[in-house]
Amino acid sequence: MNRKILVPGATGKVGSELVRLLVKNSEAVCAASRNPPAAELKFHGNIKAVEFDYELPETFAPALKGLDKVFLVVRPGDNEPDKLLP
């Protein structure tokens, strides 16, 4: 059984390529995006998308619910990723 993997930034350069590779390898993918409907359209409805925004901590817990793995990347241009949350 495949374990569900969350991919933040799923519509970006790295995230979208990772989603494509995971889907190609029959992995269960959950695309994390600030705009879930756009993410689902980008992948032609082949993935589930959830709202995730680094600037909105309230989106973290719902996005992680029911997942087994996370591909974690820092926000683009973030020179201090360890200071994401107070």
C-alpha atoms as a PDB file:
ATOM      1  CA  MET A   1       0.000   0.000   0.000  1.00  0.00           C
ATOM      2  CA  ASN A   2       1.350   3.424  -0.937  1.00  0.00           C
ATOM      3  CA  ARG A   3       1.619   6.041   1.742  1.00  0.00           C
ATOM      4  CA  LYS A   4       0.133   9.446   1.031  1.00  0.00           C
ATOM      5  CA  ILE A   5       2.740  12.162   0.441  1.00  0.00           C
ATOM      6  CA  LEU A   6       2.113  15.912   0.821  1.00  0.00           C
ATOM      7  CA  VAL A   7       3.947  18.090  -1.700  1.00  0.00           C
ATOM      8  CA  PRO A   8       3.894  21.810  -0.794  1.00  0.00           C
ATOM      9  CA  GLY A   9       4.378  24.185  -3.691  1.00  0.00           C
ATOM     10  CA  ALA A  10       2.843  21.605  -6.013  1.00  0.00           C
ATOM     11  CA  THR A  11       2.279  24.132  -8.791  1.00  0.00           C
ATOM     12  CA  GLY A  12       5.841  25.482  -8.700  1.00  0.00           C
ATOM     13  CA  LYS A  13       8.856  24.256 -10.654  1.00  0.00           C
ATOM     14  CA  VAL A  14      10.161  21.693  -8.166  1.00  0.00           C
ATOM     15  CA  GLY A  15       6.820  20.702  -6.670  1.00  0.00           C
ATOM     16  CA  SER A  16       5.055  20.146  -9.982  1.00  0.00           C
ATOM     17  CA  GLU A  17       7.874  17.967 -11.290  1.00  0.00           C
ATOM     18  CA  LEU A  18       7.860  15.941  -8.077  1.00  0.00           C
ATOM     19  CA  VAL A  19       4.080  15.473  -8.271  1.00  0.00           C
ATOM     20  CA  ARG A  20       4.412  14.248 -11.868  1.00  0.00           C
ATOM     21  CA  LEU A  21       7.117  11.745 -10.894  1.00  0.00           C
ATOM     22  CA  LEU A  22       5.176  10.480  -7.887  1.00  0.00           C
ATOM     23  CA  VAL A  23       1.991  10.037  -9.924  1.00  0.00           C
ATOM     24  CA  LYS A  24       3.972   8.269 -12.648  1.00  0.00           C
ATOM     25  CA  ASN A  25       5.253   5.869  -9.973  1.00  0.00           C
ATOM     26  CA  SER A  26       1.704   5.275  -8.675  1.00  0.00           C
ATOM     27  CA  GLU A  27       2.292   7.065  -5.383  1.00  0.00           C
ATOM     28  CA  ALA A  28      -0.603   8.604  -3.467  1.00  0.00           C
ATOM     29  CA  VAL A  29      -0.021  12.349  -3.735  1.00  0.00           C
ATOM     30  CA  CYS A  30      -1.660  15.273  -2.000  1.00  0.00           C
ATOM     31  CA  ALA A  31      -0.734  18.545  -3.685  1.00  0.00           C
ATOM     32  CA  ALA A  32      -0.440  21.469  -1.285  1.00  0.00           C
ATOM     33  CA  SER A  33      -1.148  24.872  -2.765  1.00  0.00           C
ATOM     34  CA  ARG A  34      -2.495  28.304  -1.904  1.00  0.00           C
ATOM     35  CA  ASN A  35      -5.031  27.592  -4.660  1.00  0.00           C
ATOM     36  CA  PRO A  36      -6.138  23.926  -4.496  1.00  0.00           C
ATOM     37  CA  PRO A  37      -8.550  24.111  -7.472  1.00  0.00           C
ATOM     38  CA  ALA A  38      -5.730  25.414  -9.685  1.00  0.00           C
ATOM     39  CA  ALA A  39      -3.477  22.573  -8.539  1.00  0.00           C
ATOM     40  CA  GLU A  40      -6.124  19.978  -9.346  1.00  0.00           C
ATOM     41  CA  LEU A  41      -6.606  21.516 -12.802  1.00  0.00           C
ATOM     42  CA  LYS A  42      -2.860  21.540 -13.430  1.00  0.00           C
ATOM     43  CA  PHE A  43      -2.758  17.779 -12.868  1.00  0.00           C
ATOM     44  CA  HIS A  44      -6.033  17.087 -14.676  1.00  0.00           C
ATOM     45  CA  GLY A  45      -7.803  15.867 -11.540  1.00  0.00           C
ATOM     46  CA  ASN A  46      -5.300  13.018 -11.017  1.00  0.00           C
ATOM     47  CA  ILE A  47      -4.385  14.224  -7.536  1.00  0.00           C
ATOM     48  CA  LYS A  48      -6.074  15.560  -4.430  1.00  0.00           C
ATOM     49  CA  ALA A  49      -5.147  19.125  -3.520  1.00  0.00           C
ATOM     50  CA  VAL A  50      -5.350  20.892  -0.169  1.00  0.00           C
ATOM     51  CA  GLU A  51      -4.842  24.488   0.888  1.00  0.00           C
ATOM     52  CA  PHE A  52      -1.407  25.194   2.335  1.00  0.00           C
ATOM     53  CA  ASP A  53       0.170  28.609   2.725  1.00  0.00           C
ATOM     54  CA  TYR A  54       3.416  29.259   4.579  1.00  0.00           C
ATOM     55  CA  GLU A  55       2.023  32.656   5.596  1.00  0.00           C
ATOM     56  CA  LEU A  56      -1.128  31.112   7.133  1.00  0.00           C
ATOM     57  CA  PRO A  57      -0.208  28.695   9.939  1.00  0.00           C
ATOM     58  CA  GLU A  58      -3.884  27.761  10.290  1.00  0.00           C
ATOM     59  CA  THR A  59      -3.563  25.862   6.984  1.00  0.00           C
ATOM     60  CA  PHE A  60      -0.817  23.561   8.333  1.00  0.00           C
ATOM     61  CA  ALA A  61      -2.797  21.076  10.469  1.00  0.00           C
ATOM     62  CA  PRO A  62      -5.636  20.532   7.971  1.00  0.00           C
ATOM     63  CA  ALA A  63      -3.122  19.982   5.144  1.00  0.00           C
ATOM     64  CA  LEU A  64      -1.240  17.360   7.173  1.00  0.00           C
ATOM     65  CA  LYS A  65      -4.293  15.381   8.252  1.00  0.00           C
ATOM     66  CA  GLY A  66      -4.219  11.756   7.095  1.00  0.00           C
ATOM     67  CA  LEU A  67      -0.744  11.943   5.545  1.00  0.00           C
ATOM     68  CA  ASP A  68       2.217   9.677   6.035  1.00  0.00           C
ATOM     69  CA  LYS A  69       5.045  11.708   4.481  1.00  0.00           C
ATOM     70  CA  VAL A  70       5.850  15.313   3.624  1.00  0.00           C
ATOM     71  CA  PHE A  71       8.238  16.704   1.037  1.00  0.00           C
ATOM     72  CA  LEU A  72       9.258  19.881   2.818  1.00  0.00           C
ATOM     73  CA  VAL A  73      10.728  22.865   1.023  1.00  0.00           C
ATOM     74  CA  VAL A  74      11.325  26.380   2.269  1.00  0.00           C
ATOM     75  CA  ARG A  75       9.468  29.324   0.865  1.00  0.00           C
ATOM     76  CA  PRO A  76      11.071  30.852  -2.219  1.00  0.00           C
ATOM     77  CA  GLY A  77      13.448  33.631  -1.253  1.00  0.00           C
ATOM     78  CA  ASP A  78      13.331  32.756   2.446  1.00  0.00           C
ATOM     79  CA  ASN A  79      16.763  33.459   3.905  1.00  0.00           C
ATOM     80  CA  GLU A  80      15.686  32.422   7.423  1.00  0.00           C
ATOM     81  CA  PRO A  81      13.449  29.355   7.029  1.00  0.00           C
ATOM     82  CA  ASP A  82      13.951  28.353  10.658  1.00  0.00           C
ATOM     83  CA  LYS A  83      12.098  31.513  11.699  1.00  0.00           C
ATOM     84  CA  LEU A  84       8.846  30.567   9.981  1.00  0.00           C
ATOM     85  CA  LEU A  85       6.874  30.546  13.197  1.00  0.00           C
ATOM     86  CA  PRO A  86       7.460  32.426  16.450  1.00  0.00           C
END
